[in-house]
Amino acid sequence: MNGVAKRLRPELLPFELALIAAVFWTDEAGYIPLSKTPVLLLVAWGSMWLRGVSWRDAGFCLPPQSASSSASRCGFSSSS
């Protein structure tokens, strides 16, 4: 439980919210040319890095044998 409390880092929350609001404002003002998604992913990565949380801890991971299953969905097979 102590590790989880250490990861929360409530002092980061106002800065993160301000940064996210700034991303949305700059997108609305037209300063972000295509999409704000890559910028928001960068903000999320930075936040997770500062907290010591990995993408896997947040629930993002590849399913087992993802490379072979995605190749078979695309019509590629390993057998000739």
Foldseek 3Di string as FASTA:
>chain_A
DVLVVQLVPVVCVVVLVVQVVVLVVCVVVCVDPDDSVVVVVVSVVVSCVVSVHDVVNVPDDADPPNVQVVCVVVVDHPDD
